[in-house]
Structure formats: C-alpha cells, structure tokens
N, C-alpha and C. Protein backbone atom coordinates (compact mmCIF):
# COMPACT_ATOMS: atom_id res chain seq x y z
N MET A 1 -2.70 -14.60 26.94
CA MET A 1 -3.32 -15.00 25.68
C MET A 1 -4.83 -14.99 25.89
N HIS A 2 -5.57 -14.43 24.92
CA HIS A 2 -7.02 -14.35 24.96
C HIS A 2 -7.61 -15.22 23.86
N GLN A 3 -8.90 -15.52 23.98
CA GLN A 3 -9.59 -16.24 22.91
C GLN A 3 -10.81 -15.43 22.50
N THR A 4 -11.10 -15.43 21.21
CA THR A 4 -12.30 -14.76 20.75
C THR A 4 -13.49 -15.68 20.96
N ALA A 5 -14.63 -15.12 21.30
CA ALA A 5 -15.82 -15.92 21.59
C ALA A 5 -16.34 -16.65 20.36
N TRP A 6 -16.15 -16.05 19.18
CA TRP A 6 -16.76 -16.64 17.98
C TRP A 6 -15.88 -17.66 17.28
N THR A 7 -14.57 -17.66 17.51
CA THR A 7 -13.71 -18.61 16.80
C THR A 7 -12.93 -19.53 17.74
N GLN A 8 -12.83 -19.15 18.99
CA GLN A 8 -12.02 -19.89 19.94
C GLN A 8 -10.56 -19.99 19.51
N GLU A 9 -10.12 -19.04 18.69
CA GLU A 9 -8.72 -18.99 18.29
C GLU A 9 -7.96 -18.11 19.28
N PRO A 10 -6.77 -18.52 19.68
CA PRO A 10 -6.00 -17.69 20.61
C PRO A 10 -5.58 -16.37 19.95
N LEU A 11 -5.61 -15.32 20.72
CA LEU A 11 -5.14 -14.01 20.26
C LEU A 11 -3.93 -13.61 21.09
N GLN A 12 -2.98 -12.98 20.45
CA GLN A 12 -1.83 -12.46 21.17
C GLN A 12 -2.04 -10.98 21.36
N ALA A 13 -2.12 -10.56 22.63
CA ALA A 13 -2.42 -9.16 22.93
C ALA A 13 -1.33 -8.21 22.45
N SER A 14 -0.10 -8.68 22.27
CA SER A 14 0.99 -7.78 21.92
C SER A 14 1.12 -7.52 20.42
N ARG A 15 0.32 -8.18 19.60
CA ARG A 15 0.44 -7.99 18.15
C ARG A 15 -0.32 -6.75 17.70
N PRO A 16 0.37 -5.83 17.04
CA PRO A 16 -0.32 -4.61 16.59
C PRO A 16 -1.15 -4.86 15.33
N ASN A 17 -2.15 -4.03 15.13
CA ASN A 17 -2.88 -4.00 13.87
C ASN A 17 -2.17 -3.01 12.95
N PHE A 18 -2.28 -3.25 11.63
CA PHE A 18 -1.67 -2.37 10.65
C PHE A 18 -2.77 -1.80 9.76
N VAL A 19 -2.72 -0.50 9.55
CA VAL A 19 -3.56 0.15 8.55
C VAL A 19 -2.62 1.06 7.77
N ILE A 20 -2.50 0.81 6.49
CA ILE A 20 -1.66 1.66 5.64
C ILE A 20 -2.58 2.33 4.63
N LEU A 21 -2.57 3.65 4.63
CA LEU A 21 -3.40 4.42 3.72
C LEU A 21 -2.52 5.08 2.68
N VAL A 22 -2.89 4.93 1.43
CA VAL A 22 -2.22 5.65 0.34
C VAL A 22 -3.31 6.45 -0.36
N ALA A 23 -3.10 7.73 -0.46
CA ALA A 23 -4.08 8.60 -1.12
C ALA A 23 -3.38 9.38 -2.22
N ASP A 24 -3.80 9.15 -3.45
CA ASP A 24 -3.24 9.91 -4.56
C ASP A 24 -3.69 11.36 -4.46
N ASP A 25 -2.85 12.25 -4.90
CA ASP A 25 -3.17 13.68 -4.97
C ASP A 25 -3.50 14.27 -3.60
N LEU A 26 -2.88 13.75 -2.57
CA LEU A 26 -3.07 14.28 -1.22
C LEU A 26 -1.72 14.75 -0.72
N GLY A 27 -1.63 16.00 -0.37
CA GLY A 27 -0.37 16.54 0.14
C GLY A 27 -0.18 16.18 1.61
N TYR A 28 1.06 16.24 2.06
CA TYR A 28 1.41 15.85 3.43
C TYR A 28 0.60 16.63 4.46
N THR A 29 0.38 17.90 4.24
CA THR A 29 -0.33 18.70 5.24
C THR A 29 -1.82 18.87 4.90
N ASP A 30 -2.38 17.96 4.12
CA ASP A 30 -3.80 18.06 3.76
C ASP A 30 -4.73 17.44 4.79
N ILE A 31 -4.19 16.79 5.82
CA ILE A 31 -5.06 16.31 6.90
C ILE A 31 -4.67 17.04 8.18
N GLY A 32 -5.63 17.17 9.07
CA GLY A 32 -5.44 17.95 10.28
C GLY A 32 -4.25 17.53 11.13
N ALA A 33 -4.00 16.24 11.24
CA ALA A 33 -2.91 15.74 12.08
C ALA A 33 -1.55 16.25 11.63
N PHE A 34 -1.44 16.70 10.40
CA PHE A 34 -0.17 17.19 9.87
C PHE A 34 -0.23 18.68 9.54
N GLY A 35 -1.20 19.39 10.10
CA GLY A 35 -1.21 20.83 10.00
C GLY A 35 -2.26 21.47 9.12
N SER A 36 -3.16 20.72 8.52
CA SER A 36 -4.17 21.31 7.65
C SER A 36 -5.19 22.11 8.44
N GLU A 37 -5.73 23.12 7.81
CA GLU A 37 -6.85 23.86 8.41
C GLU A 37 -8.17 23.15 8.13
N ILE A 38 -8.16 22.15 7.27
CA ILE A 38 -9.35 21.37 6.96
C ILE A 38 -9.57 20.35 8.07
N ARG A 39 -10.81 20.23 8.52
CA ARG A 39 -11.12 19.26 9.58
C ARG A 39 -11.16 17.85 9.00
N THR A 40 -10.36 16.98 9.57
CA THR A 40 -10.34 15.56 9.18
C THR A 40 -10.32 14.72 10.45
N PRO A 41 -11.41 14.73 11.22
CA PRO A 41 -11.39 14.11 12.56
C PRO A 41 -11.10 12.61 12.57
N ASN A 42 -11.60 11.86 11.61
CA ASN A 42 -11.36 10.41 11.62
C ASN A 42 -9.90 10.10 11.32
N LEU A 43 -9.34 10.76 10.32
CA LEU A 43 -7.93 10.56 10.01
C LEU A 43 -7.04 11.08 11.15
N ASP A 44 -7.45 12.18 11.77
CA ASP A 44 -6.69 12.72 12.90
C ASP A 44 -6.68 11.74 14.07
N ALA A 45 -7.82 11.09 14.32
CA ALA A 45 -7.90 10.11 15.41
C ALA A 45 -6.99 8.91 15.12
N LEU A 46 -6.99 8.43 13.89
CA LEU A 46 -6.08 7.33 13.52
C LEU A 46 -4.63 7.75 13.72
N ALA A 47 -4.29 8.93 13.24
CA ALA A 47 -2.91 9.42 13.34
C ALA A 47 -2.50 9.63 14.79
N GLY A 48 -3.45 10.06 15.61
CA GLY A 48 -3.14 10.34 17.01
C GLY A 48 -2.80 9.10 17.82
N GLU A 49 -3.27 7.96 17.38
CA GLU A 49 -3.03 6.71 18.11
C GLU A 49 -2.08 5.79 17.36
N SER A 50 -1.30 6.34 16.44
CA SER A 50 -0.51 5.51 15.55
C SER A 50 0.95 5.93 15.50
N ILE A 51 1.73 5.06 14.90
CA ILE A 51 3.08 5.42 14.52
C ILE A 51 2.98 6.03 13.13
N LYS A 52 3.58 7.18 12.94
CA LYS A 52 3.51 7.84 11.64
C LYS A 52 4.88 7.77 10.97
N PHE A 53 4.89 7.30 9.74
CA PHE A 53 6.11 7.29 8.96
C PHE A 53 6.15 8.60 8.19
N THR A 54 7.16 9.39 8.42
CA THR A 54 7.18 10.74 7.87
C THR A 54 8.27 10.96 6.82
N ASN A 55 8.91 9.90 6.36
CA ASN A 55 9.98 10.07 5.39
C ASN A 55 9.76 9.19 4.16
N PHE A 56 8.52 9.00 3.77
CA PHE A 56 8.21 8.24 2.57
C PHE A 56 8.06 9.22 1.42
N HIS A 57 8.66 8.92 0.29
CA HIS A 57 8.61 9.82 -0.85
C HIS A 57 7.84 9.17 -1.99
N ALA A 58 6.82 9.84 -2.45
CA ALA A 58 6.01 9.35 -3.56
C ALA A 58 6.74 9.55 -4.88
N LEU A 59 6.40 8.73 -5.85
CA LEU A 59 6.92 8.87 -7.20
C LEU A 59 5.88 9.61 -8.04
N PRO A 60 6.22 9.98 -9.27
CA PRO A 60 5.28 10.78 -10.07
C PRO A 60 3.96 10.09 -10.41
N THR A 61 3.92 8.75 -10.37
CA THR A 61 2.69 8.04 -10.71
C THR A 61 2.37 7.02 -9.62
N CYS A 62 1.10 6.56 -9.60
CA CYS A 62 0.62 5.77 -8.47
C CYS A 62 1.19 4.35 -8.40
N ALA A 63 1.27 3.62 -9.50
CA ALA A 63 1.70 2.22 -9.43
C ALA A 63 3.14 2.08 -8.93
N PRO A 64 4.10 2.85 -9.43
CA PRO A 64 5.45 2.75 -8.87
C PRO A 64 5.50 3.15 -7.38
N THR A 65 4.70 4.15 -6.99
CA THR A 65 4.65 4.54 -5.58
C THR A 65 4.16 3.39 -4.72
N ARG A 66 3.11 2.73 -5.15
CA ARG A 66 2.58 1.60 -4.38
C ARG A 66 3.56 0.44 -4.36
N ALA A 67 4.29 0.23 -5.44
CA ALA A 67 5.30 -0.84 -5.47
C ALA A 67 6.38 -0.59 -4.43
N VAL A 68 6.82 0.66 -4.30
CA VAL A 68 7.82 1.02 -3.30
C VAL A 68 7.27 0.77 -1.90
N LEU A 69 6.05 1.19 -1.66
CA LEU A 69 5.44 1.02 -0.34
C LEU A 69 5.26 -0.46 0.01
N LEU A 70 4.80 -1.25 -0.95
CA LEU A 70 4.54 -2.67 -0.68
C LEU A 70 5.80 -3.51 -0.60
N SER A 71 6.87 -3.10 -1.27
CA SER A 71 8.07 -3.94 -1.31
C SER A 71 9.20 -3.42 -0.44
N GLY A 72 9.20 -2.14 -0.12
CA GLY A 72 10.31 -1.57 0.64
C GLY A 72 11.57 -1.44 -0.19
N THR A 73 11.43 -1.53 -1.51
CA THR A 73 12.59 -1.43 -2.40
C THR A 73 12.36 -0.32 -3.42
N ASP A 74 13.33 -0.10 -4.25
CA ASP A 74 13.20 0.81 -5.38
C ASP A 74 12.13 0.27 -6.33
N ASN A 75 11.39 1.14 -6.99
CA ASN A 75 10.32 0.69 -7.88
C ASN A 75 10.85 -0.14 -9.06
N HIS A 76 12.07 0.09 -9.48
CA HIS A 76 12.64 -0.71 -10.56
C HIS A 76 12.94 -2.13 -10.07
N THR A 77 13.47 -2.26 -8.87
CA THR A 77 13.71 -3.57 -8.29
C THR A 77 12.39 -4.33 -8.17
N ALA A 78 11.33 -3.61 -7.83
CA ALA A 78 10.00 -4.22 -7.67
C ALA A 78 9.34 -4.54 -9.01
N GLY A 79 9.90 -4.08 -10.13
CA GLY A 79 9.36 -4.40 -11.45
C GLY A 79 8.47 -3.35 -12.06
N LEU A 80 8.33 -2.20 -11.39
CA LEU A 80 7.44 -1.15 -11.89
C LEU A 80 8.22 0.13 -12.15
N GLY A 81 9.16 0.04 -13.08
CA GLY A 81 9.94 1.21 -13.47
C GLY A 81 9.10 2.25 -14.18
N SER A 82 7.94 1.84 -14.67
CA SER A 82 7.00 2.77 -15.31
C SER A 82 5.59 2.30 -15.01
N MET A 83 4.63 3.11 -15.42
CA MET A 83 3.22 2.75 -15.20
C MET A 83 2.82 1.61 -16.10
N PHE A 84 1.64 1.06 -15.83
CA PHE A 84 1.09 0.00 -16.67
C PHE A 84 0.83 0.53 -18.07
N GLY A 85 0.66 -0.37 -19.01
CA GLY A 85 0.42 0.03 -20.40
C GLY A 85 1.73 0.12 -21.14
N PRO A 86 1.71 0.62 -22.35
CA PRO A 86 2.95 0.71 -23.13
C PRO A 86 3.97 1.60 -22.42
N ASN A 87 5.21 1.14 -22.38
CA ASN A 87 6.27 1.96 -21.80
C ASN A 87 6.52 3.17 -22.68
N THR A 88 6.96 4.25 -22.06
CA THR A 88 7.29 5.46 -22.80
C THR A 88 8.36 5.17 -23.84
N PHE A 89 9.31 4.33 -23.47
CA PHE A 89 10.38 3.95 -24.38
C PHE A 89 10.22 2.46 -24.69
N PRO A 90 9.76 2.10 -25.89
CA PRO A 90 9.49 0.70 -26.22
C PRO A 90 10.69 -0.23 -26.02
N THR A 91 11.90 0.31 -26.06
CA THR A 91 13.08 -0.54 -25.86
C THR A 91 13.16 -1.07 -24.43
N LEU A 92 12.37 -0.50 -23.51
CA LEU A 92 12.37 -0.98 -22.12
C LEU A 92 11.49 -2.20 -21.92
N ASP A 93 10.57 -2.48 -22.82
CA ASP A 93 9.67 -3.63 -22.67
C ASP A 93 10.47 -4.90 -22.48
N GLY A 94 10.14 -5.62 -21.42
CA GLY A 94 10.80 -6.89 -21.13
C GLY A 94 12.11 -6.76 -20.39
N GLN A 95 12.59 -5.55 -20.20
CA GLN A 95 13.85 -5.35 -19.49
C GLN A 95 13.61 -5.46 -17.98
N SER A 96 14.64 -5.90 -17.27
CA SER A 96 14.55 -6.00 -15.82
C SER A 96 14.21 -4.63 -15.23
N GLY A 97 13.22 -4.62 -14.37
CA GLY A 97 12.77 -3.37 -13.75
C GLY A 97 11.58 -2.75 -14.43
N TYR A 98 11.22 -3.25 -15.60
CA TYR A 98 10.10 -2.70 -16.37
C TYR A 98 9.08 -3.79 -16.72
N GLU A 99 8.92 -4.76 -15.83
CA GLU A 99 8.00 -5.86 -16.08
C GLU A 99 6.54 -5.43 -15.96
N ARG A 100 6.28 -4.33 -15.25
CA ARG A 100 4.94 -3.74 -15.06
C ARG A 100 4.03 -4.57 -14.17
N TYR A 101 4.61 -5.32 -13.25
CA TYR A 101 3.86 -5.99 -12.17
C TYR A 101 4.81 -6.14 -10.99
N LEU A 102 4.27 -6.37 -9.81
CA LEU A 102 5.11 -6.54 -8.63
C LEU A 102 5.84 -7.88 -8.77
N HIS A 103 7.12 -7.80 -9.03
CA HIS A 103 7.93 -8.95 -9.42
C HIS A 103 8.20 -9.89 -8.24
N GLU A 104 8.40 -11.17 -8.56
CA GLU A 104 8.66 -12.19 -7.55
C GLU A 104 9.99 -11.99 -6.84
N ARG A 105 10.86 -11.16 -7.37
CA ARG A 105 12.17 -10.96 -6.73
C ARG A 105 12.06 -10.12 -5.46
N VAL A 106 10.88 -9.57 -5.20
CA VAL A 106 10.67 -8.82 -3.96
C VAL A 106 9.64 -9.54 -3.11
N ALA A 107 9.76 -9.38 -1.81
CA ALA A 107 8.76 -9.92 -0.88
C ALA A 107 7.83 -8.77 -0.52
N ALA A 108 6.59 -8.88 -0.92
CA ALA A 108 5.63 -7.81 -0.65
C ALA A 108 5.19 -7.84 0.81
N LEU A 109 4.93 -6.68 1.37
CA LEU A 109 4.51 -6.56 2.77
C LEU A 109 3.34 -7.48 3.11
N PRO A 110 2.28 -7.57 2.29
CA PRO A 110 1.20 -8.50 2.64
C PRO A 110 1.65 -9.96 2.73
N GLU A 111 2.60 -10.35 1.90
CA GLU A 111 3.13 -11.71 1.98
C GLU A 111 3.86 -11.94 3.30
N LEU A 112 4.67 -10.98 3.69
CA LEU A 112 5.41 -11.10 4.94
C LEU A 112 4.48 -11.13 6.14
N LEU A 113 3.45 -10.28 6.11
CA LEU A 113 2.49 -10.26 7.21
C LEU A 113 1.67 -11.54 7.26
N THR A 114 1.29 -12.07 6.10
CA THR A 114 0.56 -13.34 6.05
C THR A 114 1.42 -14.46 6.63
N ASP A 115 2.69 -14.50 6.26
CA ASP A 115 3.61 -15.50 6.80
C ASP A 115 3.74 -15.39 8.32
N ALA A 116 3.54 -14.19 8.86
CA ALA A 116 3.64 -13.96 10.30
C ALA A 116 2.31 -14.21 11.01
N GLY A 117 1.29 -14.70 10.26
CA GLY A 117 0.02 -15.04 10.87
C GLY A 117 -1.06 -13.98 10.81
N TYR A 118 -0.79 -12.89 10.11
CA TYR A 118 -1.79 -11.84 9.97
C TYR A 118 -2.74 -12.16 8.80
N HIS A 119 -3.92 -11.60 8.86
CA HIS A 119 -4.83 -11.59 7.71
C HIS A 119 -4.65 -10.23 7.06
N THR A 120 -4.43 -10.19 5.77
CA THR A 120 -4.22 -8.93 5.09
C THR A 120 -5.32 -8.69 4.07
N TYR A 121 -5.70 -7.45 3.95
CA TYR A 121 -6.77 -7.04 3.04
C TYR A 121 -6.30 -5.80 2.30
N MET A 122 -6.78 -5.64 1.10
CA MET A 122 -6.44 -4.46 0.32
C MET A 122 -7.68 -4.04 -0.45
N ALA A 123 -8.00 -2.79 -0.39
CA ALA A 123 -9.09 -2.24 -1.19
C ALA A 123 -8.56 -1.01 -1.89
N TYR A 124 -8.86 -0.89 -3.17
CA TYR A 124 -8.36 0.26 -3.91
C TYR A 124 -9.23 0.54 -5.12
N GLN A 125 -9.05 1.71 -5.65
CA GLN A 125 -9.76 2.12 -6.86
C GLN A 125 -8.77 2.17 -8.00
N MET A 126 -9.10 1.55 -9.11
CA MET A 126 -8.21 1.54 -10.28
C MET A 126 -8.98 2.13 -11.46
N THR A 127 -8.46 3.18 -12.02
CA THR A 127 -9.10 3.77 -13.19
C THR A 127 -8.22 3.72 -14.42
N ALA A 128 -6.92 3.64 -14.26
CA ALA A 128 -6.00 3.76 -15.39
C ALA A 128 -6.20 2.67 -16.43
N GLN A 129 -6.37 1.43 -16.01
CA GLN A 129 -6.43 0.32 -16.94
C GLN A 129 -7.75 0.21 -17.68
N ILE A 130 -8.85 0.58 -17.02
CA ILE A 130 -10.15 0.29 -17.61
C ILE A 130 -10.95 1.54 -17.94
N GLY A 131 -10.42 2.71 -17.61
CA GLY A 131 -11.07 3.94 -18.00
C GLY A 131 -12.27 4.34 -17.16
N ARG A 132 -12.57 3.60 -16.11
CA ARG A 132 -13.67 3.99 -15.23
C ARG A 132 -13.31 3.56 -13.81
N ALA A 133 -13.91 4.20 -12.83
CA ALA A 133 -13.60 3.89 -11.44
C ALA A 133 -14.24 2.58 -11.02
N VAL A 134 -13.44 1.70 -10.49
CA VAL A 134 -13.92 0.43 -9.96
C VAL A 134 -13.19 0.21 -8.63
N ILE A 135 -13.91 -0.23 -7.62
CA ILE A 135 -13.29 -0.54 -6.35
C ILE A 135 -12.93 -2.03 -6.35
N TRP A 136 -11.66 -2.31 -6.13
CA TRP A 136 -11.16 -3.67 -6.08
C TRP A 136 -10.91 -4.04 -4.63
N TYR A 137 -11.09 -5.29 -4.29
CA TYR A 137 -10.88 -5.77 -2.94
C TYR A 137 -10.10 -7.07 -3.03
N TYR A 138 -9.10 -7.24 -2.19
CA TYR A 138 -8.28 -8.43 -2.25
C TYR A 138 -7.99 -8.90 -0.84
N ASP A 139 -8.14 -10.19 -0.61
CA ASP A 139 -7.90 -10.81 0.69
C ASP A 139 -6.84 -11.88 0.48
N THR A 140 -5.73 -11.83 1.21
CA THR A 140 -4.65 -12.78 0.99
C THR A 140 -4.84 -14.10 1.73
N ARG A 141 -5.94 -14.27 2.45
CA ARG A 141 -6.13 -15.54 3.17
C ARG A 141 -6.31 -16.68 2.23
C-alpha cells in the first residue's frame, strides 16, 4: 500500500484506472490501433497499454448507445428506447423503456465504480437538446 504525498490517503497498487471513450461517427478501424492508415499516436498508445473491448455494438443514435455502455443492459431496459425529445411514436411516451433518461432500474457504471471507491468523471459534448455545441463535465464525487 502506498500513500500520496499531497493527501496522505492510502493507494492500492492493484486497482486499475478506467478510461472509456465513446466517439460518435467513428468507425472501428478509424484509429491506427485497429488498422487505420491515419496516424493516431495518442489513441494508439492508450490502446496498446489497455484491455480492448471488441464486441460492443452501437445503436443508430448516441443517447441509446451511451445508455447501453453505461448500464450494461438493453437501451430499453435503461429507459432510452429512443432519443431525447418527442418520441417518433407518441403512444410510447411514458411507457416502460421510453422514459428518455437513464432509469433507476439500472445501476450505471459510474455508480458502481463510485461505490467501489473510485472517483468518476464524465466530459461530453451535447448538441441535440440545445442546438449548439457545449462541453459538459460531471464529477460523481
């Protein structure tokens, strides 16, 4: 067990760090580590020292895809059967699976990591709701 000089909090050397990257409109082979001819040295370095999950399937839109990634469940179970805003089919409003937020019936990855003693952070760009690019930052501490 180690201690950091600035906090005097014990550190466990065996605990891994997690970095999860989600990039919209990026194909599997668009970075060098997965076969691209485009140079992506920083992403390649991360991939070279990491465990890579190679069987994740994106959905047609970003919010349901992120719900699947954060919850480990189907996007309907997570409450995001469709994107934010009016549902394509108004009869779905209020129905289970179409709540349009990450529902309490799922345990989100940041919640589980926080419960395990990790500090979790999330930064993302959201344009769909407000019509302009804004960088959001969230800290679960």
